[in-house]
N, C-alpha and C. Protein backbone atom coordinates (compact mmCIF):
# COMPACT_ATOMS: atom_id res chain seq x y z
N MET A 1 8.29 -15.28 -5.72
CA MET A 1 9.17 -16.08 -6.50
C MET A 1 10.01 -15.16 -7.38
N ARG A 2 11.26 -15.49 -7.51
CA ARG A 2 12.15 -14.74 -8.40
C ARG A 2 12.69 -15.67 -9.45
N LEU A 3 12.66 -15.22 -10.68
CA LEU A 3 13.19 -16.00 -11.79
C LEU A 3 14.34 -15.26 -12.44
N PHE A 4 15.33 -16.00 -12.82
CA PHE A 4 16.47 -15.44 -13.53
C PHE A 4 16.72 -16.26 -14.77
N ASN A 5 17.18 -15.61 -15.80
CA ASN A 5 17.52 -16.29 -17.04
C ASN A 5 19.00 -16.05 -17.31
N ARG A 6 19.77 -17.11 -17.37
CA ARG A 6 21.20 -17.00 -17.64
C ARG A 6 21.43 -16.23 -18.93
N SER A 7 22.42 -15.36 -18.95
CA SER A 7 22.64 -14.49 -20.10
C SER A 7 22.82 -15.27 -21.40
N SER A 8 23.39 -16.46 -21.34
CA SER A 8 23.59 -17.25 -22.56
C SER A 8 22.27 -17.79 -23.13
N PHE A 9 21.21 -17.76 -22.32
CA PHE A 9 19.89 -18.22 -22.78
C PHE A 9 18.98 -17.07 -23.21
N ARG A 10 19.40 -15.84 -22.98
CA ARG A 10 18.55 -14.69 -23.32
C ARG A 10 18.38 -14.57 -24.82
N GLY A 11 17.22 -14.09 -25.22
CA GLY A 11 16.92 -13.92 -26.63
C GLY A 11 16.43 -15.18 -27.31
N LYS A 12 16.20 -16.24 -26.54
CA LYS A 12 15.75 -17.51 -27.11
C LYS A 12 14.33 -17.86 -26.70
N SER A 13 13.63 -16.91 -26.12
CA SER A 13 12.23 -17.05 -25.70
C SER A 13 12.03 -18.06 -24.57
N ILE A 14 13.08 -18.44 -23.89
CA ILE A 14 12.95 -19.39 -22.79
C ILE A 14 12.18 -18.76 -21.63
N GLY A 15 12.56 -17.55 -21.25
CA GLY A 15 11.85 -16.86 -20.17
C GLY A 15 10.38 -16.64 -20.51
N LEU A 16 10.12 -16.30 -21.75
CA LEU A 16 8.75 -16.09 -22.19
C LEU A 16 7.94 -17.38 -22.07
N ARG A 17 8.52 -18.50 -22.47
CA ARG A 17 7.81 -19.78 -22.38
C ARG A 17 7.58 -20.19 -20.94
N ILE A 18 8.55 -19.93 -20.07
CA ILE A 18 8.37 -20.25 -18.65
C ILE A 18 7.22 -19.43 -18.08
N MET A 19 7.21 -18.12 -18.36
CA MET A 19 6.15 -17.26 -17.83
C MET A 19 4.79 -17.63 -18.40
N GLU A 20 4.72 -17.99 -19.67
CA GLU A 20 3.44 -18.41 -20.26
C GLU A 20 2.94 -19.68 -19.59
N THR A 21 3.83 -20.61 -19.29
CA THR A 21 3.44 -21.85 -18.61
C THR A 21 2.94 -21.55 -17.20
N LEU A 22 3.64 -20.69 -16.47
CA LEU A 22 3.19 -20.31 -15.13
C LEU A 22 1.83 -19.61 -15.18
N TYR A 23 1.66 -18.74 -16.17
CA TYR A 23 0.39 -18.02 -16.31
C TYR A 23 -0.76 -18.99 -16.58
N LYS A 24 -0.55 -19.95 -17.46
CA LYS A 24 -1.60 -20.95 -17.75
C LYS A 24 -1.94 -21.75 -16.51
N GLN A 25 -0.94 -22.10 -15.71
CA GLN A 25 -1.20 -22.84 -14.49
C GLN A 25 -1.99 -21.99 -13.50
N GLN A 26 -1.69 -20.71 -13.43
CA GLN A 26 -2.46 -19.83 -12.55
C GLN A 26 -3.93 -19.82 -12.95
N LEU A 27 -4.20 -19.77 -14.24
CA LEU A 27 -5.59 -19.79 -14.71
C LEU A 27 -6.26 -21.10 -14.31
N LEU A 28 -5.57 -22.22 -14.46
CA LEU A 28 -6.11 -23.51 -14.05
C LEU A 28 -6.38 -23.56 -12.55
N ASP A 29 -5.56 -22.87 -11.78
CA ASP A 29 -5.72 -22.82 -10.33
C ASP A 29 -6.76 -21.80 -9.89
N GLY A 30 -7.35 -21.08 -10.84
CA GLY A 30 -8.39 -20.11 -10.51
C GLY A 30 -7.86 -18.73 -10.15
N ILE A 31 -6.60 -18.49 -10.36
CA ILE A 31 -6.02 -17.17 -10.07
C ILE A 31 -6.30 -16.26 -11.26
N LYS A 32 -6.97 -15.14 -10.99
CA LYS A 32 -7.36 -14.25 -12.08
C LYS A 32 -6.66 -12.90 -12.04
N PHE A 33 -5.84 -12.70 -11.02
CA PHE A 33 -5.14 -11.42 -10.89
C PHE A 33 -3.70 -11.72 -10.50
N ASP A 34 -2.79 -11.02 -11.11
CA ASP A 34 -1.37 -11.20 -10.82
C ASP A 34 -0.69 -9.85 -11.00
N PHE A 35 0.37 -9.64 -10.26
CA PHE A 35 1.16 -8.45 -10.49
C PHE A 35 2.63 -8.82 -10.37
N VAL A 36 3.46 -8.01 -10.99
CA VAL A 36 4.89 -8.25 -11.01
C VAL A 36 5.60 -6.98 -10.56
N ASP A 37 6.56 -7.14 -9.69
CA ASP A 37 7.44 -6.05 -9.28
C ASP A 37 8.78 -6.35 -9.93
N ALA A 38 9.09 -5.62 -11.00
CA ALA A 38 10.27 -5.96 -11.80
C ALA A 38 11.13 -4.74 -12.07
N GLU A 39 12.33 -5.01 -12.49
CA GLU A 39 13.24 -3.95 -12.91
C GLU A 39 12.65 -3.26 -14.14
N ILE A 40 12.94 -1.97 -14.28
CA ILE A 40 12.33 -1.19 -15.37
C ILE A 40 12.70 -1.74 -16.75
N TYR A 41 13.89 -2.30 -16.90
CA TYR A 41 14.28 -2.82 -18.21
C TYR A 41 13.48 -4.06 -18.61
N LEU A 42 12.76 -4.66 -17.65
CA LEU A 42 11.95 -5.84 -17.94
C LEU A 42 10.51 -5.50 -18.34
N ILE A 43 10.15 -4.23 -18.30
CA ILE A 43 8.78 -3.84 -18.65
C ILE A 43 8.38 -4.35 -20.03
N PRO A 44 9.18 -4.17 -21.08
CA PRO A 44 8.77 -4.68 -22.40
C PRO A 44 8.55 -6.20 -22.41
N PHE A 45 9.36 -6.94 -21.66
CA PHE A 45 9.19 -8.39 -21.57
C PHE A 45 7.81 -8.74 -21.00
N PHE A 46 7.45 -8.10 -19.89
CA PHE A 46 6.17 -8.41 -19.28
C PHE A 46 5.00 -7.88 -20.09
N GLU A 47 5.20 -6.80 -20.81
CA GLU A 47 4.14 -6.30 -21.69
C GLU A 47 3.84 -7.31 -22.80
N LYS A 48 4.85 -8.04 -23.26
CA LYS A 48 4.62 -9.10 -24.25
C LYS A 48 3.68 -10.17 -23.72
N LEU A 49 3.70 -10.34 -22.40
CA LEU A 49 2.84 -11.33 -21.76
C LEU A 49 1.46 -10.78 -21.43
N GLY A 50 1.24 -9.50 -21.72
CA GLY A 50 -0.07 -8.91 -21.47
C GLY A 50 -0.17 -8.08 -20.21
N TYR A 51 0.92 -7.97 -19.46
CA TYR A 51 0.89 -7.14 -18.25
C TYR A 51 0.86 -5.68 -18.64
N LYS A 52 0.26 -4.88 -17.79
CA LYS A 52 0.19 -3.43 -17.98
C LYS A 52 0.97 -2.74 -16.87
N THR A 53 1.68 -1.68 -17.22
CA THR A 53 2.41 -0.90 -16.23
C THR A 53 1.42 0.02 -15.53
N ILE A 54 1.37 -0.08 -14.20
CA ILE A 54 0.46 0.78 -13.45
C ILE A 54 1.18 1.84 -12.64
N ASP A 55 2.47 1.63 -12.37
CA ASP A 55 3.19 2.61 -11.57
C ASP A 55 4.70 2.38 -11.70
N THR A 56 5.42 3.44 -11.93
CA THR A 56 6.88 3.36 -11.94
C THR A 56 7.47 4.37 -10.97
N SER A 57 6.66 4.90 -10.08
CA SER A 57 7.13 5.97 -9.17
C SER A 57 8.07 5.46 -8.09
N ASN A 58 8.09 4.17 -7.83
CA ASN A 58 8.95 3.64 -6.77
C ASN A 58 10.26 3.10 -7.29
N ILE A 59 10.62 3.49 -8.50
CA ILE A 59 11.88 3.02 -9.07
C ILE A 59 13.05 3.69 -8.38
N MET A 60 13.99 2.88 -7.96
CA MET A 60 15.19 3.40 -7.30
C MET A 60 16.37 3.23 -8.23
N PHE A 61 17.15 4.25 -8.34
CA PHE A 61 18.34 4.22 -9.18
C PHE A 61 19.57 4.20 -8.29
N GLY A 62 20.59 3.52 -8.73
CA GLY A 62 21.80 3.55 -7.92
C GLY A 62 22.72 2.43 -8.16
């Protein structure tokens, strides 16, 4: 699944609330492990949700 947040909505915690809701649903569904493949600039966003960076070696620039 890919999620995008329109630039006019950024900085309003909408993306954070969506991800928190999805995360809670995963817990209800019994999912205990999740990973995200995201752009490097999104690392701080996902860290706010409790994700940990395990590898950035496959980052492509261009």
